[in-house]
Structure formats: structure tokens, C-alpha cells
């Protein structure tokens, strides 16, 4: 029982200090702004709850910057922005009050004022502790979603980034949206969603999306460019996919008489073990191949190995030094 008593002695001491030293709260109350609310930017919400408890909910979260509180319903919203960092969301709304985290004494959070929780965690008091720790950290939110091409300014009323809460997003104007755009924050602090944002020019085949980029890059730069698009260098699983790529993505390749001058990177390579080709993104062994005659030969010159795989416009495969400059095909999984 000793650890339990120790925790609650600390907790009570904090609140005795607050009770006997009301001046600690004066600054916070004096800085409340009435008739204003920060719209959106919500971590989570609570009701019914007192205003002071609402402030405490903010103080125990590193991500929280401010609170908006509706007095008529004892309704609390804790926010990951404030009126300076989200000025366009700061609005006049009758019945609401707005307050910032920095205006309140950290001691209001009790022992949690000493916590070192991560940005997406909140501090909770430990009721029974075997090691005497007065608090522990638990996942509080998923943070802002990182999804290529989304319009982050679009949200709906009630959206929040907290555990078991949902958000709604749309793709930016330069992208085509696939999926509903509803995101749900799981208990482990990760988002699950069904939206993908694609630029014009992406083609769909068997629940995957493909885009041929004509910019000539080495294999590493091509791979990194695909990753910036939330994609990877194409991984070809069978003859049907290979033929679709030839007929859809490579059909318009304008090639000089020498076909070796107009190849396109795939994601296959044998950089780890000579002769054992793997897909760069998944790490899976290449099982289907469509090699051009005499390939793979690993024969470029005496100084450079041909460890990466590119495609002729005919759909046949060729091994090539990874430093060669090629166009490339990016692939994305379906949502």
C-alpha cells in the first residue's frame, strides 16, 4: 500500500497548494477570452466537465495549446493550436470561452506537471504503482495525418485527432481523389483511412495505380521520387501485369533505332546477392521475369555491374548499372 499512499499524498499536496494559494489561478482566469472559440484543431472533447477540469485535460497533454469551452453545456474542446498559430480558426461565438495553456500554472496538473510524456501521449496518475512512479503516459492521439496530396485545411464539425475519433479530408485541387476521405484514429496512435490522392496521369490496374515519369534519373533518385509521391518503383508480379504495362504505359515510348537508349526503371535489383533479384520496396524475391534474350548478363563494362532492372518498350527486361539515367514507373497500392 505504500506506493499507493505516496502517489496520493503527492496528489493531495498539489491540490492543497492550489487551494491555499488561489493567486496561482488568478492569472489564468484573468486571461480568459469570452465569446470566442478556436474552430477545429481539436485533439478531443469532453462533456459534462467543469472549465477547470477542461484546463487540466489540456495541461496533461504536450500537444495541447488551448481550450474552447461552451458554458451552457459544460462542453470542453482541447486544441493542438492557439489563436496565434491558427488565426483564421479563431472566431467570435456566443456562449464560448477561449483560454490558452500557457496562462495556467502547471501545478494544476498535479504530479503530471513533472511528466516527460511524448507529443502524442497524455499523463495519467498511477493509482497503484509497484515502482512508486506517481504517473504514467498513455497514447492520446494520432497527430496530424501524413497523406500525400491531401488538403489539410478541410475538416468537418466534430473532427478530432484523439483516440477513437475521426477526421475527414479531401485531396488538393491538383489531385484526383479515390475513397471517402474518412480517417479513424486507432488506440495505438495510428490512422486507418481509405483515401488516396493522385495526380492526373495515374492509371489503375488490379487495385494498383501506376504512373510513368519521363524524367531521366538514376535508380536511387527514381526510387526516392516515387517515395515522395507515396509510391514505389513498379513491382511486376506476372505476365498479365507486364503486358498491361507494355500496352498502357510503354506504348507511346519514342525510341531511336537502338532500344537500349529508351528504357524505363522497374524496382528489381540484385545489389545484395549477384543473380538473386529482389523487389526494392517489398524485399520479395522476383518470381516472374520477362528477360530480353541474353539477359541478365551483368555485362556493361569492366568497372560497373548491371545490378538494376529496366524495361524495354517491348515489355522485355534488361539489367543495367543503377547509375544509368532512365525514365521510371511508380506504383501505389490500392486504398
Protein backbone atom coordinates (compact mmCIF):
# COMPACT_ATOMS: atom_id res chain seq x y z
CA UNK A 1 0.00 0.00 0.00
CA UNK A 2 2.98 2.32 0.49
CA UNK A 3 3.37 3.26 -3.23
CA UNK A 4 -0.36 3.99 -3.47
CA UNK A 5 -0.26 6.28 -0.43
CA UNK A 6 2.83 8.02 -1.78
CA UNK A 7 1.10 8.81 -5.07
CA UNK A 8 -1.99 10.23 -3.47
CA UNK A 9 -0.05 12.15 -0.84
CA UNK A 10 1.71 13.92 -3.70
CA UNK A 11 -1.59 14.49 -5.45
CA UNK A 12 -3.23 15.94 -2.34
CA UNK A 13 -0.26 18.15 -1.61
CA UNK A 14 -0.52 19.68 -5.07
CA UNK A 15 -4.18 20.44 -4.55
CA UNK A 16 -3.62 21.81 -1.06
CA UNK A 17 -1.10 24.19 -2.57
CA UNK A 18 -3.66 25.24 -5.16
CA UNK A 19 -6.39 25.67 -2.58
CA UNK A 20 -4.23 27.71 -0.20
CA UNK A 21 -2.66 29.72 -2.98
CA UNK A 22 -5.57 30.92 -5.08
CA UNK A 23 -3.32 33.50 -6.66
CA UNK A 24 -1.85 30.73 -8.81
CA UNK A 25 -5.12 30.62 -10.72
CA UNK A 26 -5.70 34.36 -10.89
CA UNK A 27 -3.55 34.81 -13.96
CA UNK A 28 -5.41 32.09 -15.87
CA UNK A 29 -8.87 33.43 -15.03
CA UNK A 30 -7.82 36.97 -15.89
CA UNK A 31 -6.73 35.89 -19.39
CA UNK A 32 -9.93 34.04 -20.35
CA UNK A 33 -11.48 35.47 -23.52
CA UNK A 34 -15.26 35.36 -23.54
CA UNK A 35 -17.38 34.98 -26.65
CA UNK A 36 -14.62 33.36 -28.70
CA UNK A 37 -13.75 29.85 -29.85
CA UNK A 38 -10.98 28.20 -31.84
CA UNK A 39 -12.87 26.28 -34.51
CA UNK A 40 -11.47 22.87 -35.43
CA UNK A 41 -7.88 21.93 -34.49
CA UNK A 42 -9.35 19.57 -31.87
CA UNK A 43 -7.49 16.82 -30.06
CA UNK A 44 -10.53 15.61 -28.15
CA UNK A 45 -13.71 16.83 -26.44
CA UNK A 46 -15.45 16.10 -23.14
CA UNK A 47 -18.89 16.65 -21.57
CA UNK A 48 -20.10 17.30 -18.99
CA UNK A 49 -16.97 18.73 -17.44
CA UNK A 50 -16.07 21.83 -15.44
CA UNK A 51 -13.96 24.53 -17.01
CA UNK A 52 -11.06 23.93 -14.63
CA UNK A 53 -11.11 20.20 -15.39
CA UNK A 54 -11.07 21.13 -19.08
CA UNK A 55 -7.89 23.13 -18.49
CA UNK A 56 -6.37 20.16 -16.65
CA UNK A 57 -7.11 17.91 -19.64
CA UNK A 58 -5.01 20.30 -21.71
CA UNK A 59 -2.20 20.55 -19.17
CA UNK A 60 -1.59 16.79 -19.11
CA UNK A 61 -1.03 16.68 -22.90
CA UNK A 62 2.12 18.06 -24.50
CA UNK A 63 0.33 18.62 -27.81
CA UNK A 64 -2.45 20.74 -26.31
CA UNK A 65 -2.09 24.51 -26.75
CA UNK A 66 -5.52 25.92 -25.85
CA UNK A 67 -9.09 25.09 -24.84
CA UNK A 68 -12.50 26.21 -26.02
CA UNK A 69 -15.33 25.76 -23.53
CA UNK A 70 -19.10 26.11 -24.02
CA UNK A 71 -20.56 27.14 -20.67
CA UNK A 72 -24.19 26.28 -21.46
CA UNK A 73 -23.45 22.56 -21.91
CA UNK A 74 -20.26 22.23 -19.84
CA UNK A 75 -18.60 21.12 -23.07
CA UNK A 76 -14.81 21.15 -23.46
CA UNK A 77 -12.62 21.04 -26.56
CA UNK A 78 -8.85 20.77 -26.18
CA UNK A 79 -6.87 22.11 -29.14
CA UNK A 80 -3.47 21.46 -30.76
CA UNK A 81 -3.29 25.09 -31.94
CA UNK A 82 -3.94 28.52 -30.43
CA UNK A 83 -5.22 31.80 -31.84
CA UNK A 84 -1.75 32.82 -33.00
CA UNK A 85 -0.87 29.59 -34.81
CA UNK A 86 -4.37 29.16 -36.27
CA UNK A 87 -5.57 32.75 -36.59
CA UNK A 88 -8.15 32.00 -39.31
CA UNK A 89 -9.88 29.50 -37.00
CA UNK A 90 -10.25 31.96 -34.12
CA UNK A 91 -13.84 33.16 -34.24
CA UNK A 92 -16.44 35.08 -32.28
CA UNK A 93 -19.05 32.63 -30.99
CA UNK A 94 -21.56 33.45 -28.27
CA UNK A 95 -21.51 31.24 -25.19
CA UNK A 96 -17.95 30.07 -25.67
CA UNK A 97 -14.80 30.98 -23.77
CA UNK A 98 -11.24 30.62 -25.01
CA UNK A 99 -8.13 30.09 -22.92
CA UNK A 100 -4.51 29.18 -23.58
CA UNK A 101 -2.45 26.53 -21.84
CA UNK A 102 0.38 28.89 -21.04
CA UNK A 103 -1.89 31.09 -18.94
CA UNK A 104 -2.36 28.40 -16.27
CA UNK A 105 0.03 27.12 -13.60
CA UNK A 106 1.49 23.68 -14.48
CA UNK A 107 0.85 22.63 -10.87
CA UNK A 108 -2.83 22.38 -11.74
CA UNK A 109 -1.94 19.05 -13.40
CA UNK A 110 -0.69 17.65 -10.07
CA UNK A 111 2.28 15.23 -10.33
CA UNK A 112 1.77 15.21 -14.11
CA UNK A 113 3.37 18.63 -14.22
CA UNK A 114 6.65 16.70 -13.94
CA UNK A 115 5.90 14.19 -16.69
CA UNK A 116 8.04 13.57 -19.78
CA UNK A 117 5.31 12.10 -21.98
CA UNK A 118 5.72 12.15 -25.76
CA UNK A 119 3.88 14.59 -28.01
CA UNK A 120 1.03 12.18 -28.78
CA UNK A 121 0.65 11.00 -25.17
CA UNK A 122 -1.13 12.22 -22.08
CA UNK A 123 -0.11 11.85 -18.46
CA UNK A 124 -2.31 9.85 -16.11
CA UNK A 125 -1.94 9.49 -12.38
CA UNK A 126 -0.94 5.99 -11.34
CA UNK A 127 -3.37 4.57 -8.82
CA UNK A 128 -1.28 1.52 -7.93
CA UNK A 129 2.42 1.64 -8.70
CA UNK A 130 4.97 -1.09 -7.99
CA UNK A 131 7.89 1.27 -8.55
CA UNK A 132 6.49 4.36 -6.88
CA UNK A 133 6.00 6.37 -10.08
CA UNK A 134 3.17 8.86 -9.48
CA UNK A 135 2.09 8.89 -13.14
CA UNK A 136 2.37 7.04 -16.45
CA UNK A 137 1.98 8.02 -20.10
CA UNK A 138 -0.71 6.69 -22.45
CA UNK A 139 -1.36 7.33 -26.13
CA UNK A 140 -3.71 10.28 -26.52
CA UNK A 141 -3.92 11.00 -30.25
CA UNK A 142 -2.71 10.14 -33.75
CA UNK A 143 -1.25 13.53 -34.60
CA UNK A 144 -2.00 15.18 -37.92
CA UNK A 145 -2.37 12.62 -40.73
CA UNK A 146 0.51 12.47 -43.21
CA UNK A 147 -1.10 11.50 -46.53
CA UNK A 148 0.30 12.58 -49.86
CA UNK A 149 -1.81 15.14 -51.69
CA UNK A 150 -4.46 15.92 -49.08
CA UNK A 151 -5.90 19.36 -48.40
CA UNK A 152 -5.14 19.72 -44.69
CA UNK A 153 -7.35 22.78 -44.27
CA UNK A 154 -10.55 20.82 -44.98
CA UNK A 155 -12.33 19.39 -41.93
CA UNK A 156 -15.87 18.81 -40.70
CA UNK A 157 -17.56 19.83 -37.45
CA UNK A 158 -16.65 17.32 -34.75
CA UNK A 159 -13.40 16.20 -36.36
CA UNK A 160 -10.63 15.40 -33.88
CA UNK A 161 -7.26 13.62 -33.81
CA UNK A 162 -7.78 11.85 -30.46
CA UNK A 163 -8.01 8.10 -29.91
CA UNK A 164 -11.19 6.59 -31.42
CA UNK A 165 -12.04 9.93 -33.04
CA UNK A 166 -12.40 10.58 -36.77
CA UNK A 167 -11.37 13.20 -39.31
CA UNK A 168 -12.50 13.98 -42.85
CA UNK A 169 -10.05 15.13 -45.51
CA UNK A 170 -10.09 15.88 -49.22
CA UNK A 171 -7.43 15.82 -51.88
CA UNK A 172 -5.98 19.12 -53.01
CA UNK A 173 -7.13 20.63 -56.30
CA UNK A 174 -4.14 19.22 -58.19
CA UNK A 175 -5.11 15.65 -57.31
CA UNK A 176 -7.86 13.16 -58.09
CA UNK A 177 -9.46 11.62 -55.00
CA UNK A 178 -10.17 7.92 -54.57
CA UNK A 179 -12.06 6.90 -51.41
CA UNK A 180 -14.31 8.66 -48.92
CA UNK A 181 -11.64 10.62 -47.06
CA UNK A 182 -12.73 9.45 -43.59
CA UNK A 183 -9.89 8.71 -41.17
CA UNK A 184 -10.17 6.96 -37.81
CA UNK A 185 -7.56 7.21 -35.04
CA UNK A 186 -6.80 3.75 -33.61
CA UNK A 187 -5.90 3.05 -29.99
CA UNK A 188 -2.23 2.50 -30.92
CA UNK A 189 -1.95 6.08 -32.22
CA UNK A 190 -2.08 5.33 -35.96
CA UNK A 191 -4.60 6.39 -38.58
CA UNK A 192 -6.65 3.98 -40.66
CA UNK A 193 -8.08 5.54 -43.80
CA UNK A 194 -9.44 4.90 -47.28
CA UNK A 195 -8.26 7.86 -49.31
CA UNK A 196 -5.57 8.15 -51.94
CA UNK A 197 -4.73 11.33 -53.86
CA UNK A 198 -3.31 11.00 -57.35
CA UNK A 199 -2.11 13.49 -59.92
CA UNK A 200 -3.57 13.38 -63.40
CA UNK A 201 -1.97 10.63 -65.44
CA UNK A 202 -2.09 7.75 -62.98
CA UNK A 203 -3.60 4.55 -64.37
CA UNK A 204 -5.38 1.82 -62.41
CA UNK A 205 -4.82 -1.92 -62.86
CA UNK A 206 -5.91 -4.68 -60.47
CA UNK A 207 -6.30 -2.41 -57.44
CA UNK A 208 -2.94 -0.70 -58.00
CA UNK A 209 -2.09 2.70 -59.52
CA UNK A 210 0.77 3.36 -61.95
CA UNK A 211 2.45 6.45 -63.35
CA UNK A 212 5.26 6.68 -65.89
CA UNK A 213 7.62 9.59 -65.29
CA UNK A 214 9.71 10.55 -68.32
CA UNK A 215 12.33 12.42 -66.24
CA UNK A 216 15.64 10.62 -66.66
CA UNK A 217 17.09 9.71 -63.25
CA UNK A 218 19.40 7.10 -61.80
CA UNK A 219 17.69 4.22 -60.00
CA UNK A 220 18.15 5.64 -56.49
CA UNK A 221 16.78 9.07 -57.41
CA UNK A 222 13.87 7.44 -59.28
CA UNK A 223 13.06 5.34 -56.20
CA UNK A 224 13.17 8.41 -53.94
CA UNK A 225 10.95 10.38 -56.33
CA UNK A 226 8.33 7.62 -56.18
CA UNK A 227 8.52 7.65 -52.39
CA UNK A 228 7.81 11.38 -52.34
CA UNK A 229 4.59 10.52 -54.18
CA UNK A 230 3.69 7.87 -51.61
CA UNK A 231 4.63 5.18 -54.15
CA UNK A 232 7.50 2.86 -55.11
CA UNK A 233 9.26 1.68 -58.26
CA UNK A 234 7.00 -0.78 -60.04
CA UNK A 235 7.00 -4.43 -58.93
CA UNK A 236 5.72 -6.80 -61.63
CA UNK A 237 4.07 -9.98 -60.38
CA UNK A 238 3.04 -11.83 -63.55
CA UNK A 239 2.75 -11.78 -67.35
CA UNK A 240 -0.67 -10.11 -67.26
CA UNK A 241 0.66 -7.13 -65.33
CA UNK A 242 3.79 -6.96 -67.52
CA UNK A 243 1.69 -6.94 -70.69
CA UNK A 244 -0.64 -4.25 -69.28
CA UNK A 245 2.39 -2.06 -68.52
CA UNK A 246 3.71 -2.57 -72.06
CA UNK A 247 0.36 -1.77 -73.70
CA UNK A 248 -0.62 1.12 -71.40
CA UNK A 249 2.49 2.84 -70.06
CA UNK A 250 5.19 1.98 -72.60
CA UNK A 251 3.17 2.11 -75.82
CA UNK A 252 3.99 5.75 -76.54
CA UNK A 253 7.71 5.49 -75.85
CA UNK A 254 9.53 7.12 -78.77
CA UNK A 255 12.67 5.10 -79.28
CA UNK A 256 15.73 5.52 -81.51
CA UNK A 257 16.81 2.52 -83.57
CA UNK A 258 18.81 1.28 -80.57
CA UNK A 259 16.25 0.17 -77.96
CA UNK A 260 18.84 0.33 -75.17
CA UNK A 261 18.59 4.14 -75.37
CA UNK A 262 14.99 4.37 -74.12
CA UNK A 263 14.50 2.04 -71.17
CA UNK A 264 12.38 2.58 -68.04
CA UNK A 265 13.29 1.66 -64.46
CA UNK A 266 11.46 -1.08 -62.58
CA UNK A 267 12.03 -1.81 -58.89
CA UNK A 268 14.03 -5.04 -59.30
CA UNK A 269 17.73 -5.36 -58.48
CA UNK A 270 20.37 -7.88 -57.41
CA UNK A 271 22.54 -5.47 -55.42
CA UNK A 272 22.59 -7.72 -52.34
CA UNK A 273 23.48 -11.05 -53.99
CA UNK A 274 24.58 -11.35 -57.58
CA UNK A 275 21.97 -13.17 -59.63
CA UNK A 276 19.29 -13.08 -56.89
CA UNK A 277 16.81 -10.39 -57.93
CA UNK A 278 14.61 -8.77 -55.29
CA UNK A 279 11.93 -6.08 -55.44
CA UNK A 280 13.25 -2.91 -53.86
CA UNK A 281 10.13 -1.89 -51.95
CA UNK A 282 8.73 -5.18 -50.65
CA UNK A 283 12.03 -7.05 -50.48
CA UNK A 284 10.29 -10.07 -52.07
CA UNK A 285 12.17 -12.34 -54.44
CA UNK A 286 11.38 -11.77 -58.12
CA UNK A 287 9.46 -14.85 -59.27
CA UNK A 288 8.10 -13.73 -62.65
CA UNK A 289 10.58 -12.46 -65.25
CA UNK A 290 10.46 -11.45 -68.90
CA UNK A 291 14.12 -11.09 -69.79
CA UNK A 292 15.26 -9.98 -73.20
CA UNK A 293 17.48 -12.51 -74.96
CA UNK A 294 20.97 -12.75 -73.45
CA UNK A 295 19.77 -11.04 -70.25
CA UNK A 296 20.51 -10.79 -67.43
CA UNK A 297 24.19 -10.70 -68.28
CA UNK A 298 25.61 -8.25 -65.69
CA UNK A 299 27.80 -7.07 -68.54
CA UNK A 300 28.13 -3.33 -69.01
CA UNK A 301 31.84 -2.74 -68.76
CA UNK A 302 34.72 -3.95 -66.65
CA UNK A 303 34.13 -1.32 -63.97
CA UNK A 304 30.36 -1.27 -63.46
CA UNK A 305 27.96 -4.07 -62.57
CA UNK A 306 24.48 -4.14 -64.10
CA UNK A 307 22.54 -4.63 -60.85
CA UNK A 308 19.25 -2.84 -61.60
CA UNK A 309 16.45 -3.86 -63.96
CA UNK A 310 14.84 -1.65 -66.57
CA UNK A 311 12.20 -2.30 -69.23
CA UNK A 312 12.36 -2.00 -72.99
CA UNK A 313 9.31 -0.51 -74.69
CA UNK A 314 8.57 -4.07 -75.83
CA UNK A 315 7.99 -5.09 -72.20
CA UNK A 316 11.16 -7.19 -72.08
CA UNK A 317 13.59 -6.80 -69.21
CA UNK A 318 17.24 -5.75 -69.17
CA UNK A 319 19.84 -5.48 -66.41
CA UNK A 320 21.59 -2.12 -66.27
CA UNK A 321 24.02 -0.21 -63.99
CA UNK A 322 21.94 1.57 -61.33
CA UNK A 323 23.70 4.84 -62.18
CA UNK A 324 22.17 4.91 -65.68
CA UNK A 325 19.62 7.67 -66.36
CA UNK A 326 16.15 6.34 -67.21
CA UNK A 327 12.51 7.23 -67.05
CA UNK A 328 10.68 5.19 -64.42
CA UNK A 329 7.30 3.77 -63.37
CA UNK A 330 5.89 4.44 -59.91
CA UNK A 331 3.28 2.13 -58.36
CA UNK A 332 0.86 2.69 -55.48
CA UNK A 333 -1.19 0.14 -53.60
CA UNK A 334 -4.95 0.49 -53.62
CA UNK A 335 -6.58 2.14 -50.58
